[in-house]
Structure formats: C-alpha cells, structure tokens
Amino acid sequence: MEEILRATGFRILRLIPRFLPYSTRSRLASYPFLLHLYLSLPFLRYLFGKQMFVLAEKL
C-alpha cells in the first residue's frame, strides 16, 4: 500500500503495520478498559493486529 500511495502522489506521514485487529466485533471493542490497554501496549499489536494504519497527505 505504501508504494501505491507514493506512486499516486501521496507522502506517508505515519505507517503502523499490524495496528488493528481484523474485526472490531470482539470483546476488545466492547470494553473501553481493554481497548485502552491494547492501544497502550504496542507489543499486543504484533499478536492481535491484522490491519495497518496509514496517515498520508497529497503532495
């Protein structure tokens, strides 16, 4: 995805691979405490993360 964005005139500002779980319909999303814990501990992203986060801007 990064290559496609750069080729179409975007600049990548932030890229976090394996940021979000594949589905948000889980117990994690139901409890704010668990969601906060997940976002606070980056190593959990490598265990449960399946989707990436990309922040880009058009040049």
PDB file of N, CA and C in Angstrom:
ATOM      1  N   MET A   1       0.819  -1.178   0.000  1.00  0.00           N
ATOM      2  CA  MET A   1       0.000   0.000   0.000  1.00  0.00           C
ATOM      3  C   MET A   1       0.872   1.255   0.000  1.00  0.00           C
ATOM      4  N   GLU A   2       1.966   1.202   0.707  1.00  0.00           N
ATOM      5  CA  GLU A   2       2.853   2.366   0.771  1.00  0.00           C
ATOM      6  C   GLU A   2       3.354   2.745  -0.624  1.00  0.00           C
ATOM      7  N   GLU A   3       3.727   1.762  -1.420  1.00  0.00           N
ATOM      8  CA  GLU A   3       4.241   2.024  -2.765  1.00  0.00           C
ATOM      9  C   GLU A   3       3.169   2.641  -3.656  1.00  0.00           C
ATOM     10  N   ILE A   4       1.949   2.167  -3.527  1.00  0.00           N
ATOM     11  CA  ILE A   4       0.850   2.706  -4.337  1.00  0.00           C
ATOM     12  C   ILE A   4       0.566   4.152  -3.970  1.00  0.00           C
ATOM     13  N   LEU A   5       0.547   4.442  -2.685  1.00  0.00           N
ATOM     14  CA  LEU A   5       0.304   5.815  -2.255  1.00  0.00           C
ATOM     15  C   LEU A   5       1.399   6.757  -2.745  1.00  0.00           C
ATOM     16  N   ARG A   6       2.647   6.335  -2.643  1.00  0.00           N
ATOM     17  CA  ARG A   6       3.748   7.183  -3.125  1.00  0.00           C
ATOM     18  C   ARG A   6       3.679   7.377  -4.638  1.00  0.00           C
ATOM     19  N   ALA A   7       3.339   6.334  -5.369  1.00  0.00           N
ATOM     20  CA  ALA A   7       3.264   6.420  -6.830  1.00  0.00           C
ATOM     21  C   ALA A   7       2.126   7.319  -7.300  1.00  0.00           C
ATOM     22  N   THR A   8       1.091   7.469  -6.483  1.00  0.00           N
ATOM     23  CA  THR A   8      -0.040   8.310  -6.869  1.00  0.00           C
ATOM     24  C   THR A   8       0.026   9.706  -6.263  1.00  0.00           C
ATOM     25  N   GLY A   9       1.202  10.081  -5.732  1.00  0.00           N
ATOM     26  CA  GLY A   9       1.405  11.455  -5.295  1.00  0.00           C
ATOM     27  C   GLY A   9       1.093  11.739  -3.837  1.00  0.00           C
ATOM     28  N   PHE A  10       1.202  10.745  -2.990  1.00  0.00           N
ATOM     29  CA  PHE A  10       0.989  10.953  -1.566  1.00  0.00           C
ATOM     30  C   PHE A  10       2.306  10.833  -0.821  1.00  0.00           C
ATOM     31  N   ARG A  11       2.391  11.518   0.290  1.00  0.00           N
ATOM     32  CA  ARG A  11       3.542  11.410   1.182  1.00  0.00           C
ATOM     33  C   ARG A  11       3.066  10.718   2.449  1.00  0.00           C
ATOM     34  N   ILE A  12       3.767   9.677   2.864  1.00  0.00           N
ATOM     35  CA  ILE A  12       3.402   8.921   4.056  1.00  0.00           C
ATOM     36  C   ILE A  12       3.884   9.684   5.286  1.00  0.00           C
ATOM     37  N   LEU A  13       2.955  10.032   6.167  1.00  0.00           N
ATOM     38  CA  LEU A  13       3.297  10.721   7.404  1.00  0.00           C
ATOM     39  C   LEU A  13       3.485   9.739   8.551  1.00  0.00           C
ATOM     40  N   ARG A  14       2.676   8.701   8.577  1.00  0.00           N
ATOM     41  CA  ARG A  14       2.753   7.695   9.645  1.00  0.00           C
ATOM     42  C   ARG A  14       2.246   6.369   9.107  1.00  0.00           C
ATOM     43  N   LEU A  15       2.987   5.316   9.358  1.00  0.00           N
ATOM     44  CA  LEU A  15       2.608   3.972   8.925  1.00  0.00           C
ATOM     45  C   LEU A  15       2.844   3.016  10.091  1.00  0.00           C
ATOM     46  N   ILE A  16       1.775   2.369  10.537  1.00  0.00           N
ATOM     47  CA  ILE A  16       1.879   1.409  11.638  1.00  0.00           C
ATOM     48  C   ILE A  16       1.349   0.073  11.124  1.00  0.00           C
ATOM     49  N   PRO A  17       2.244  -0.865  10.824  1.00  0.00           N
ATOM     50  CA  PRO A  17       1.768  -2.176  10.379  1.00  0.00           C
ATOM     51  C   PRO A  17       1.155  -2.955  11.544  1.00  0.00           C
ATOM     52  N   ARG A  18       0.185  -3.779  11.227  1.00  0.00           N
ATOM     53  CA  ARG A  18      -0.482  -4.628  12.217  1.00  0.00           C
ATOM     54  C   ARG A  18      -0.985  -3.815  13.397  1.00  0.00           C
ATOM     55  N   PHE A  19      -1.789  -2.802  13.103  1.00  0.00           N
ATOM     56  CA  PHE A  19      -2.261  -1.883  14.143  1.00  0.00           C
ATOM     57  C   PHE A  19      -3.579  -2.340  14.761  1.00  0.00           C
ATOM     58  N   LEU A  20      -4.539  -2.700  13.935  1.00  0.00           N
ATOM     59  CA  LEU A  20      -5.872  -3.051  14.420  1.00  0.00           C
ATOM     60  C   LEU A  20      -6.171  -4.523  14.202  1.00  0.00           C
ATOM     61  N   PRO A  21      -7.001  -5.108  15.055  1.00  0.00           N
ATOM     62  CA  PRO A  21      -7.443  -6.481  14.806  1.00  0.00           C
ATOM     63  C   PRO A  21      -8.248  -6.543  13.504  1.00  0.00           C
ATOM     64  N   TYR A  22      -8.374  -7.727  12.947  1.00  0.00           N
ATOM     65  CA  TYR A  22      -9.098  -7.894  11.685  1.00  0.00           C
ATOM     66  C   TYR A  22     -10.541  -7.448  11.805  1.00  0.00           C
ATOM     67  N   SER A  23     -11.163  -7.713  12.935  1.00  0.00           N
ATOM     68  CA  SER A  23     -12.555  -7.339  13.152  1.00  0.00           C
ATOM     69  C   SER A  23     -12.668  -6.555  14.448  1.00  0.00           C
ATOM     70  N   THR A  24     -13.535  -5.557  14.453  1.00  0.00           N
ATOM     71  CA  THR A  24     -13.773  -4.803  15.685  1.00  0.00           C
ATOM     72  C   THR A  24     -14.977  -5.345  16.435  1.00  0.00           C
ATOM     73  N   ARG A  25     -15.558  -6.402  15.938  1.00  0.00           N
ATOM     74  CA  ARG A  25     -16.682  -7.044  16.630  1.00  0.00           C
ATOM     75  C   ARG A  25     -16.146  -8.134  17.549  1.00  0.00           C
ATOM     76  N   SER A  26     -15.466  -7.706  18.567  1.00  0.00           N
ATOM     77  CA  SER A  26     -14.884  -8.639  19.512  1.00  0.00           C
ATOM     78  C   SER A  26     -15.075  -8.093  20.920  1.00  0.00           C
ATOM     79  N   ARG A  27     -14.654  -8.846  21.883  1.00  0.00           N
ATOM     80  CA  ARG A  27     -14.757  -8.396  23.275  1.00  0.00           C
ATOM     81  C   ARG A  27     -13.857  -7.194  23.542  1.00  0.00           C
ATOM     82  N   LEU A  28     -12.767  -7.096  22.803  1.00  0.00           N
ATOM     83  CA  LEU A  28     -11.847  -5.978  22.976  1.00  0.00           C
ATOM     84  C   LEU A  28     -12.552  -4.647  22.747  1.00  0.00           C
ATOM     85  N   ALA A  29     -13.354  -4.566  21.715  1.00  0.00           N
ATOM     86  CA  ALA A  29     -14.044  -3.314  21.400  1.00  0.00           C
ATOM     87  C   ALA A  29     -15.193  -3.037  22.357  1.00  0.00           C
ATOM     88  N   SER A  30     -15.670  -4.047  23.063  1.00  0.00           N
ATOM     89  CA  SER A  30     -16.806  -3.886  23.969  1.00  0.00           C
ATOM     90  C   SER A  30     -16.427  -3.212  25.284  1.00  0.00           C
ATOM     91  N   TYR A  31     -15.195  -3.381  25.696  1.00  0.00           N
ATOM     92  CA  TYR A  31     -14.759  -2.867  26.983  1.00  0.00           C
ATOM     93  C   TYR A  31     -13.717  -1.763  26.790  1.00  0.00           C
ATOM     94  N   PRO A  32     -14.048  -0.523  27.144  1.00  0.00           N
ATOM     95  CA  PRO A  32     -13.095   0.580  26.974  1.00  0.00           C
ATOM     96  C   PRO A  32     -11.748   0.341  27.663  1.00  0.00           C
ATOM     97  N   PHE A  33     -11.759  -0.332  28.812  1.00  0.00           N
ATOM     98  CA  PHE A  33     -10.503  -0.602  29.510  1.00  0.00           C
ATOM     99  C   PHE A  33      -9.586  -1.492  28.665  1.00  0.00           C
ATOM    100  N   LEU A  34     -10.144  -2.538  28.056  1.00  0.00           N
ATOM    101  CA  LEU A  34      -9.339  -3.430  27.223  1.00  0.00           C
ATOM    102  C   LEU A  34      -8.823  -2.716  25.978  1.00  0.00           C
ATOM    103  N   LEU A  35      -9.645  -1.854  25.408  1.00  0.00           N
ATOM    104  CA  LEU A  35      -9.225  -1.084  24.241  1.00  0.00           C
ATOM    105  C   LEU A  35      -8.070  -0.154  24.604  1.00  0.00           C
ATOM    106  N   HIS A  36      -8.176   0.517  25.732  1.00  0.00           N
ATOM    107  CA  HIS A  36      -7.103   1.400  26.191  1.00  0.00           C
ATOM    108  C   HIS A  36      -5.820   0.607  26.446  1.00  0.00           C
ATOM    109  N   LEU A  37      -5.954  -0.554  27.065  1.00  0.00           N
ATOM    110  CA  LEU A  37      -4.801  -1.408  27.327  1.00  0.00           C
ATOM    111  C   LEU A  37      -4.150  -1.855  26.017  1.00  0.00           C
ATOM    112  N   TYR A  38      -4.960  -2.246  25.052  1.00  0.00           N
ATOM    113  CA  TYR A  38      -4.445  -2.683  23.746  1.00  0.00           C
ATOM    114  C   TYR A  38      -3.657  -1.568  23.064  1.00  0.00           C
ATOM    115  N   LEU A  39      -4.191  -0.354  23.085  1.00  0.00           N
ATOM    116  CA  LEU A  39      -3.516   0.766  22.428  1.00  0.00           C
ATOM    117  C   LEU A  39      -2.293   1.239  23.215  1.00  0.00           C
ATOM    118  N   SER A  40      -2.259   0.994  24.519  1.00  0.00           N
ATOM    119  CA  SER A  40      -1.135   1.417  25.349  1.00  0.00           C
ATOM    120  C   SER A  40       0.071   0.488  25.264  1.00  0.00           C
ATOM    121  N   LEU A  41      -0.156  -0.761  24.932  1.00  0.00           N
ATOM    122  CA  LEU A  41       0.912  -1.755  24.905  1.00  0.00           C
ATOM    123  C   LEU A  41       1.197  -2.182  23.471  1.00  0.00           C
ATOM    124  N   PRO A  42       2.197  -1.571  22.841  1.00  0.00           N
ATOM    125  CA  PRO A  42       2.457  -1.833  21.422  1.00  0.00           C
ATOM    126  C   PRO A  42       2.749  -3.292  21.084  1.00  0.00           C
ATOM    127  N   PHE A  43       3.301  -4.083  22.002  1.00  0.00           N
ATOM    128  CA  PHE A  43       3.605  -5.467  21.669  1.00  0.00           C
ATOM    129  C   PHE A  43       2.336  -6.289  21.413  1.00  0.00           C
ATOM    130  N   LEU A  44       1.193  -5.854  21.962  1.00  0.00           N
ATOM    131  CA  LEU A  44      -0.061  -6.559  21.699  1.00  0.00           C
ATOM    132  C   LEU A  44      -0.492  -6.428  20.239  1.00  0.00           C
ATOM    133  N   ARG A  45      -0.079  -5.348  19.593  1.00  0.00           N
ATOM    134  CA  ARG A  45      -0.421  -5.152  18.177  1.00  0.00           C
ATOM    135  C   ARG A  45       0.171  -6.249  17.315  1.00  0.00           C
ATOM    136  N   TYR A  46       1.369  -6.716  17.675  1.00  0.00           N
ATOM    137  CA  TYR A  46       2.013  -7.764  16.884  1.00  0.00           C
ATOM    138  C   TYR A  46       1.346  -9.122  17.088  1.00  0.00           C
ATOM    139  N   LEU A  47       0.675  -9.285  18.221  1.00  0.00           N
ATOM    140  CA  LEU A  47      -0.034 -10.533  18.473  1.00  0.00           C
ATOM    141  C   LEU A  47      -1.421 -10.549  17.849  1.00  0.00           C
ATOM    142  N   PHE A  48      -2.143  -9.431  17.952  1.00  0.00           N
ATOM    143  CA  PHE A  48      -3.546  -9.390  17.532  1.00  0.00           C
ATOM    144  C   PHE A  48      -3.798  -8.542  16.291  1.00  0.00           C
ATOM    145  N   GLY A  49      -2.874  -7.686  15.931  1.00  0.00           N
ATOM    146  CA  GLY A  49      -3.091  -6.769  14.820  1.00  0.00           C
ATOM    147  C   GLY A  49      -3.072  -7.467  13.467  1.00  0.00           C
ATOM    148  N   LYS A  50      -4.015  -7.114  12.609  1.00  0.00           N
ATOM    149  CA  LYS A  50      -4.098  -7.676  11.267  1.00  0.00           C
ATOM    150  C   LYS A  50      -4.193  -6.597  10.187  1.00  0.00           C
ATOM    151  N   GLN A  51      -4.608  -5.394  10.555  1.00  0.00           N
ATOM    152  CA  GLN A  51      -4.759  -4.306   9.596  1.00  0.00           C
ATOM    153  C   GLN A  51      -3.749  -3.209   9.915  1.00  0.00           C
ATOM    154  N   MET A  52      -3.372  -2.440   8.901  1.00  0.00           N
ATOM    155  CA  MET A  52      -2.404  -1.380   9.118  1.00  0.00           C
ATOM    156  C   MET A  52      -3.083  -0.015   9.204  1.00  0.00           C
ATOM    157  N   PHE A  53      -2.372   0.917   9.803  1.00  0.00           N
ATOM    158  CA  PHE A  53      -2.810   2.308   9.883  1.00  0.00           C
ATOM    159  C   PHE A  53      -1.866   3.128   9.018  1.00  0.00           C
ATOM    160  N   VAL A  54      -2.450   3.934   8.109  1.00  0.00           N
ATOM    161  CA  VAL A  54      -1.653   4.790   7.234  1.00  0.00           C
ATOM    162  C   VAL A  54      -2.201   6.216   7.315  1.00  0.00           C
ATOM    163  N   LEU A  55      -1.311   7.159   7.595  1.00  0.00           N
ATOM    164  CA  LEU A  55      -1.654   8.573   7.551  1.00  0.00           C
ATOM    165  C   LEU A  55      -0.815   9.180   6.426  1.00  0.00           C
ATOM    166  N   ALA A  56      -1.497   9.730   5.425  1.00  0.00           N
ATOM    167  CA  ALA A  56      -0.784  10.279   4.260  1.00  0.00           C
ATOM    168  C   ALA A  56      -1.418  11.601   3.863  1.00  0.00           C
ATOM    169  N   GLU A  57      -0.634  12.397   3.154  1.00  0.00           N
ATOM    170  CA  GLU A  57      -1.162  13.661   2.634  1.00  0.00           C
ATOM    171  C   GLU A  57      -0.816  13.770   1.154  1.00  0.00           C
ATOM    172  N   LYS A  58      -1.691  14.427   0.419  1.00  0.00           N
ATOM    173  CA  LYS A  58      -1.496  14.629  -1.009  1.00  0.00           C
ATOM    174  C   LYS A  58      -0.437  15.711  -1.223  1.00  0.00           C
ATOM    175  N   LEU A  59       0.520  15.440  -2.087  1.00  0.00           N
ATOM    176  CA  LEU A  59       1.574  16.429  -2.384  1.00  0.00           C
ATOM    177  C   LEU A  59       1.093  17.453  -3.374  1.00  0.00           C
TER     178      LEU A  59
END
